[in-house]
Structures are given as structure tokens and as C-alpha cells.
């Protein structure tokens, strides 16, 4: 089944930011549908264009015994089920050029992980699917350097590009958001997203499990909206303490409604 092609103009709303949100990784169909149902009700109420996020597989893991997924095809079918059930677009990560065409059969947006944002073959393969390509800024790159990542997609024939700020390496075990990078990347002509939850990761912990500071999610999100970001990215879970990936920095689903309500008020004030 081919999915109707979505464009960036379908997401852009001059009166509001758009939202990419969902669990870090697809853990099962029922869980994904419950989360999507909750978020759809909230975003419909607040007038926020919404894209459901879920990784069908996690390739970048700290340890060999870390959870990677329920199986590629099974997870991609869950993403399709979410899309068809709620009539919303969906986004997932891809990790190699060979995955692009496969994932494009199920989703609307292909996301390039931050560590892979310079991989030319991956960017070109994603571009050639015709899907929207969301490139996460590498923790090791300046905002200005992301122009070249975007150019690779455009030069491969696809102008449907979004860029995502997700923090910059600050020492060995911390990240920091330089909000100057958001307007700088916007000058390239593409929507810029702030990945709130990954910006609060504390990587490279001695336990082999990434830490985080979820108590600062509201602070970082408010600042991003105040700066004028086009979209927000947040991973959310019913119970982050038992999430199979990135639980340390995810937003508890029960807190999403109140947070988004505050953020919409900030956007309206601007």
C-alpha cells in the first residue's frame, strides 16, 4: 500500500508550531495506538499539526544487550496502523541507505539520526524516496555546517527538508542547546525543529545507559518556542521508568497536555 505523499506545507501553520512526538521506539501495537490516541486528542484541541514519532529499530545503542526493537517489518506495520487509524503522518529513523526505500513504504517522514547527518549515501537515498527528510544536527557540528547536509538532499532532487537542533556536546557526558543556532539554520530556508528531550540527554554514562534531565523539558521547550522554532520534537511514554529506550529523558504522557497548553500560549503571545 502506497501512502499519499505529504509535503512540508501540510505541517506549517503560521499560527502555531508543529509537533513530532511519540515513544522512542515502537514497543508494541497497543502501546503505540494508546499514545497516538492521547496525543491526537491534545493536538486537535490546541490546533497543533501533529506527526507521530516512533523508531522501528534503534541502531545506536550503548550496549550490546540494549533493546533494539520488535522486528523491522512488525514495527513498520505498527507505524502504518497508527497512520491509518488516526489519519496522521508518521516519522521514523533510518540508519543505512538500504533502509530508505523500505521505510518510505510505511511513513511520511524519514529522519536522519544526528550521528549520521554527514553520511552522503544515506542522505541521497532518503532524498530519492521523495519523502520529507528530517536531518538531526550532529552533536559535533555547528549550526552553519548543517547547510551542507541539507544541500545534499536538495541536490539529489528533493527540497522537502527539515533540520532539527538536538543539543551540542558539552564535555563528555552532557549536551547544551545554543539557541542562536535556530534562527541561523532558519536562514537556509528550511523549517527548524527543536528536539527537546534528546537535548536533555546525558550520554556516555559509566553504566552504559544514557541519563537525562527530564525536569528541564518545560524550560527547554519554552525557550525554543520563544526563539521562534517552527516545530518541536518530544519523546513521550506512559511510564518512562519502564520504557525500553531513552526513558531517562522522555516526557511522561500525562504531562503533555499541560506543557503544550503553556507552549501554545507563548506562541500566541509572540
Protein backbone atom coordinates (compact mmCIF):
# COMPACT_ATOMS: atom_id res chain seq x y z
CA UNK A 1 0.00 0.00 0.00
CA UNK A 2 1.42 3.37 -1.01
CA UNK A 3 0.99 6.27 1.37
CA UNK A 4 -0.21 9.61 0.00
CA UNK A 5 2.76 11.96 -0.28
CA UNK A 6 2.84 14.64 2.39
CA UNK A 7 4.73 17.92 1.96
CA UNK A 8 6.17 20.37 4.45
CA UNK A 9 3.41 22.84 3.62
CA UNK A 10 0.96 20.36 5.17
CA UNK A 11 2.77 20.83 8.50
CA UNK A 12 3.43 24.53 8.52
CA UNK A 13 0.91 26.64 10.38
CA UNK A 14 1.58 30.36 10.63
CA UNK A 15 -0.33 30.48 13.91
CA UNK A 16 1.35 27.57 15.67
CA UNK A 17 4.34 25.26 15.82
CA UNK A 18 4.03 21.66 14.68
CA UNK A 19 4.85 18.63 16.82
CA UNK A 20 6.71 15.36 16.29
CA UNK A 21 6.01 13.18 19.33
CA UNK A 22 5.71 9.59 20.41
CA UNK A 23 7.75 6.83 22.05
CA UNK A 24 11.46 6.48 21.42
CA UNK A 25 10.97 3.05 19.89
CA UNK A 26 7.93 1.00 18.91
CA UNK A 27 7.46 -1.47 21.77
CA UNK A 28 4.15 -2.89 20.53
CA UNK A 29 0.97 -2.03 18.63
CA UNK A 30 -1.35 -1.43 21.57
CA UNK A 31 1.12 0.89 23.29
CA UNK A 32 1.67 2.92 20.11
CA UNK A 33 -2.06 3.28 19.45
CA UNK A 34 -2.76 4.39 23.03
CA UNK A 35 -0.05 7.06 22.90
CA UNK A 36 -1.16 8.28 19.47
CA UNK A 37 -4.78 8.48 20.63
CA UNK A 38 -3.83 10.65 23.61
CA UNK A 39 -1.59 12.98 21.62
CA UNK A 40 -4.07 13.36 18.75
CA UNK A 41 -6.79 14.49 21.17
CA UNK A 42 -4.46 17.06 22.75
CA UNK A 43 -3.07 18.45 19.49
CA UNK A 44 -6.52 18.63 17.88
CA UNK A 45 -7.74 20.65 20.85
CA UNK A 46 -4.79 23.03 20.65
CA UNK A 47 -4.60 23.33 16.87
CA UNK A 48 -1.10 21.81 16.62
CA UNK A 49 -0.19 19.95 13.41
CA UNK A 50 0.98 16.53 14.61
CA UNK A 51 3.32 13.81 13.34
CA UNK A 52 3.52 10.55 15.31
CA UNK A 53 7.11 9.53 16.04
CA UNK A 54 8.39 6.03 16.67
CA UNK A 55 11.66 4.35 15.74
CA UNK A 56 11.08 0.97 14.12
CA UNK A 57 14.57 -0.03 15.20
CA UNK A 58 17.26 1.52 17.40
CA UNK A 59 20.67 1.08 15.80
CA UNK A 60 22.67 3.40 18.07
CA UNK A 61 22.73 1.69 21.46
CA UNK A 62 25.21 1.95 24.29
CA UNK A 63 25.45 -1.79 24.98
CA UNK A 64 25.02 -5.00 23.01
CA UNK A 65 22.20 -6.13 25.33
CA UNK A 66 20.18 -2.91 24.86
CA UNK A 67 16.69 -3.24 23.34
CA UNK A 68 16.68 -2.54 19.60
CA UNK A 69 13.11 -3.30 18.53
CA UNK A 70 10.34 -5.82 17.98
CA UNK A 71 11.40 -6.58 14.39
CA UNK A 72 11.64 -4.22 11.43
CA UNK A 73 8.58 -5.24 9.44
CA UNK A 74 6.43 -5.69 12.54
CA UNK A 75 7.30 -2.22 13.84
CA UNK A 76 6.84 -0.56 10.45
CA UNK A 77 3.39 -2.14 10.21
CA UNK A 78 2.57 -0.63 13.61
CA UNK A 79 3.54 2.80 12.27
CA UNK A 80 1.28 2.23 9.27
CA UNK A 81 -1.53 1.18 11.60
CA UNK A 82 -1.15 4.42 13.58
CA UNK A 83 -1.23 6.44 10.38
CA UNK A 84 -4.35 4.71 9.05
CA UNK A 85 -6.20 4.65 12.37
CA UNK A 86 -5.79 8.34 13.16
CA UNK A 87 -5.17 9.75 9.67
CA UNK A 88 -1.94 11.40 10.78
CA UNK A 89 1.57 11.41 9.30
CA UNK A 90 4.30 9.33 10.91
CA UNK A 91 8.09 9.65 11.15
CA UNK A 92 10.82 7.10 11.81
CA UNK A 93 14.62 6.96 11.77
CA UNK A 94 16.66 5.20 9.12
CA UNK A 95 20.27 4.17 9.60
CA UNK A 96 21.57 3.00 6.21
CA UNK A 97 20.92 3.73 2.56
CA UNK A 98 19.29 0.34 2.10
CA UNK A 99 16.59 1.15 4.65
CA UNK A 100 15.30 4.30 2.94
CA UNK A 101 13.07 2.76 0.29
CA UNK A 102 11.77 0.12 2.70
CA UNK A 103 10.76 2.61 5.40
CA UNK A 104 9.32 5.03 2.83
CA UNK A 105 6.61 2.48 2.05
CA UNK A 106 5.22 2.96 5.57
CA UNK A 107 5.96 6.51 6.72
CA UNK A 108 5.71 10.15 5.64
CA UNK A 109 8.98 11.49 7.07
CA UNK A 110 12.40 9.85 7.08
CA UNK A 111 14.60 11.01 9.94
CA UNK A 112 18.37 11.02 9.77
CA UNK A 113 19.95 10.44 13.21
CA UNK A 114 22.38 13.07 14.44
CA UNK A 115 25.41 10.79 14.38
CA UNK A 116 24.68 10.02 10.70
CA UNK A 117 23.90 13.52 9.42
CA UNK A 118 27.05 13.66 7.25
CA UNK A 119 26.52 10.26 5.60
CA UNK A 120 26.14 11.18 1.95
CA UNK A 121 24.77 7.86 0.72
CA UNK A 122 22.14 7.86 3.47
CA UNK A 123 21.03 11.43 2.73
CA UNK A 124 20.84 10.78 -1.02
CA UNK A 125 18.88 7.56 -0.56
CA UNK A 126 16.40 9.33 1.70
CA UNK A 127 16.09 12.18 -0.78
CA UNK A 128 15.34 9.85 -3.67
CA UNK A 129 12.27 8.43 -1.92
CA UNK A 130 10.58 11.82 -2.31
CA UNK A 131 9.58 11.77 1.35
CA UNK A 132 10.23 14.66 3.73
CA UNK A 133 13.74 14.27 5.16
CA UNK A 134 14.31 15.49 8.72
CA UNK A 135 18.04 15.78 9.43
CA UNK A 136 19.11 15.96 13.05
CA UNK A 137 22.09 18.21 13.67
CA UNK A 138 25.12 16.27 14.82
CA UNK A 139 26.16 16.96 18.41
CA UNK A 140 29.59 17.68 16.95
CA UNK A 141 28.51 20.18 14.25
CA UNK A 142 27.94 23.90 14.19
CA UNK A 143 24.52 25.12 13.01
CA UNK A 144 26.16 26.58 9.90
CA UNK A 145 27.57 23.20 8.89
CA UNK A 146 24.04 21.81 8.54
CA UNK A 147 23.62 23.77 5.32
CA UNK A 148 25.80 21.18 3.59
CA UNK A 149 23.72 18.25 4.87
CA UNK A 150 20.56 19.92 3.59
CA UNK A 151 22.23 20.73 0.27
CA UNK A 152 22.95 17.03 -0.31
CA UNK A 153 19.24 16.24 -0.12
CA UNK A 154 18.25 19.17 -2.33
CA UNK A 155 20.93 18.40 -4.90
CA UNK A 156 19.67 14.82 -5.01
CA UNK A 157 16.32 16.21 -6.18
CA UNK A 158 14.29 16.67 -3.00
CA UNK A 159 13.56 20.08 -1.48
CA UNK A 160 11.43 18.65 1.32
CA UNK A 161 13.98 19.13 4.10
CA UNK A 162 13.71 19.89 7.80
CA UNK A 163 16.56 20.44 10.26
CA UNK A 164 16.49 19.51 13.94
CA UNK A 165 18.53 21.00 16.77
CA UNK A 166 19.20 18.38 19.45
CA UNK A 167 21.98 19.81 21.57
CA UNK A 168 25.73 20.13 21.22
CA UNK A 169 28.36 18.07 23.03
CA UNK A 170 29.41 19.83 26.24
CA UNK A 171 32.16 17.81 27.83
CA UNK A 172 31.99 14.03 27.80
CA UNK A 173 28.61 13.47 29.46
CA UNK A 174 26.42 16.45 28.74
CA UNK A 175 24.73 18.46 25.99
CA UNK A 176 23.82 22.11 25.75
CA UNK A 177 21.37 23.93 23.45
CA UNK A 178 22.72 27.02 21.72
CA UNK A 179 19.51 28.80 20.79
CA UNK A 180 21.39 31.06 18.37
CA UNK A 181 21.53 28.08 16.04
CA UNK A 182 17.77 28.02 15.50
CA UNK A 183 17.48 31.36 13.63
CA UNK A 184 20.79 30.65 11.92
CA UNK A 185 19.53 27.39 10.44
CA UNK A 186 16.21 29.03 9.53
CA UNK A 187 18.11 31.33 7.18
CA UNK A 188 18.74 28.27 4.97
CA UNK A 189 15.04 28.28 4.08
CA UNK A 190 14.00 25.06 5.81
CA UNK A 191 11.81 24.52 8.88
CA UNK A 192 13.82 24.10 12.07
CA UNK A 193 12.71 21.77 14.86
CA UNK A 194 13.90 21.67 18.45
CA UNK A 195 14.33 18.15 19.82
CA UNK A 196 13.55 18.93 23.43
CA UNK A 197 14.02 15.54 25.03
CA UNK A 198 17.22 14.41 23.30
CA UNK A 199 18.77 17.80 24.08
CA UNK A 200 18.49 16.78 27.73
CA UNK A 201 20.32 13.50 27.38
CA UNK A 202 23.42 12.81 29.45
CA UNK A 203 25.32 10.38 27.23
CA UNK A 204 28.34 8.18 27.89
CA UNK A 205 27.43 7.23 31.44
CA UNK A 206 29.66 4.63 33.10
CA UNK A 207 26.65 2.32 33.47
CA UNK A 208 26.27 2.12 29.69
CA UNK A 209 22.75 3.58 29.98
CA UNK A 210 22.18 7.15 28.81
CA UNK A 211 20.99 9.53 31.51
CA UNK A 212 18.83 12.61 31.22
CA UNK A 213 17.26 15.64 32.88
CA UNK A 214 13.52 15.43 32.14
CA UNK A 215 12.81 18.05 34.83
CA UNK A 216 14.10 20.62 32.32
CA UNK A 217 11.85 19.62 29.42
CA UNK A 218 9.46 22.51 30.05
CA UNK A 219 12.30 25.02 30.36
CA UNK A 220 13.97 24.00 27.10
CA UNK A 221 10.66 23.81 25.22
CA UNK A 222 9.55 27.26 26.40
CA UNK A 223 12.85 28.78 25.31
CA UNK A 224 12.59 27.15 21.89
CA UNK A 225 9.10 28.46 21.27
CA UNK A 226 10.15 31.92 22.47
CA UNK A 227 13.05 31.89 19.98
CA UNK A 228 10.58 31.08 17.18
CA UNK A 229 11.26 27.45 16.34
CA UNK A 230 9.00 26.02 13.61
CA UNK A 231 8.42 22.67 15.26
CA UNK A 232 9.05 20.69 18.44
CA UNK A 233 10.17 17.10 18.83
CA UNK A 234 9.44 15.27 22.08
CA UNK A 235 9.58 11.65 23.02
CA UNK A 236 6.79 10.66 25.38
CA UNK A 237 5.78 7.46 27.12
CA UNK A 238 3.03 6.38 29.51
CA UNK A 239 5.66 5.38 32.06
CA UNK A 240 9.22 6.45 31.16
CA UNK A 241 10.61 4.42 34.07
CA UNK A 242 9.83 1.20 32.18
CA UNK A 243 10.47 2.46 28.64
CA UNK A 244 12.76 0.18 26.64
CA UNK A 245 14.81 3.10 25.27
CA UNK A 246 15.62 6.66 26.40
CA UNK A 247 13.37 6.52 29.44
CA UNK A 248 15.73 8.83 31.35
CA UNK A 249 14.88 11.86 29.22
CA UNK A 250 11.33 11.20 27.99
CA UNK A 251 8.25 13.17 28.98
CA UNK A 252 5.58 11.35 30.94
CA UNK A 253 2.50 11.32 28.72
CA UNK A 254 0.24 12.67 31.48
CA UNK A 255 2.27 15.92 31.45
CA UNK A 256 1.97 16.59 27.72
CA UNK A 257 -1.39 18.38 27.72
CA UNK A 258 -0.37 20.93 30.33
CA UNK A 259 3.01 21.55 28.71
CA UNK A 260 1.63 22.05 25.21
CA UNK A 261 -1.07 24.38 26.54
CA UNK A 262 1.63 26.61 28.03
CA UNK A 263 3.70 26.50 24.86
CA UNK A 264 0.76 27.49 22.68
CA UNK A 265 0.16 30.50 24.92
CA UNK A 266 3.79 31.55 24.46
CA UNK A 267 3.45 31.18 20.68
CA UNK A 268 0.26 33.25 20.69
CA UNK A 269 1.95 35.96 22.75
CA UNK A 270 4.63 36.28 20.08
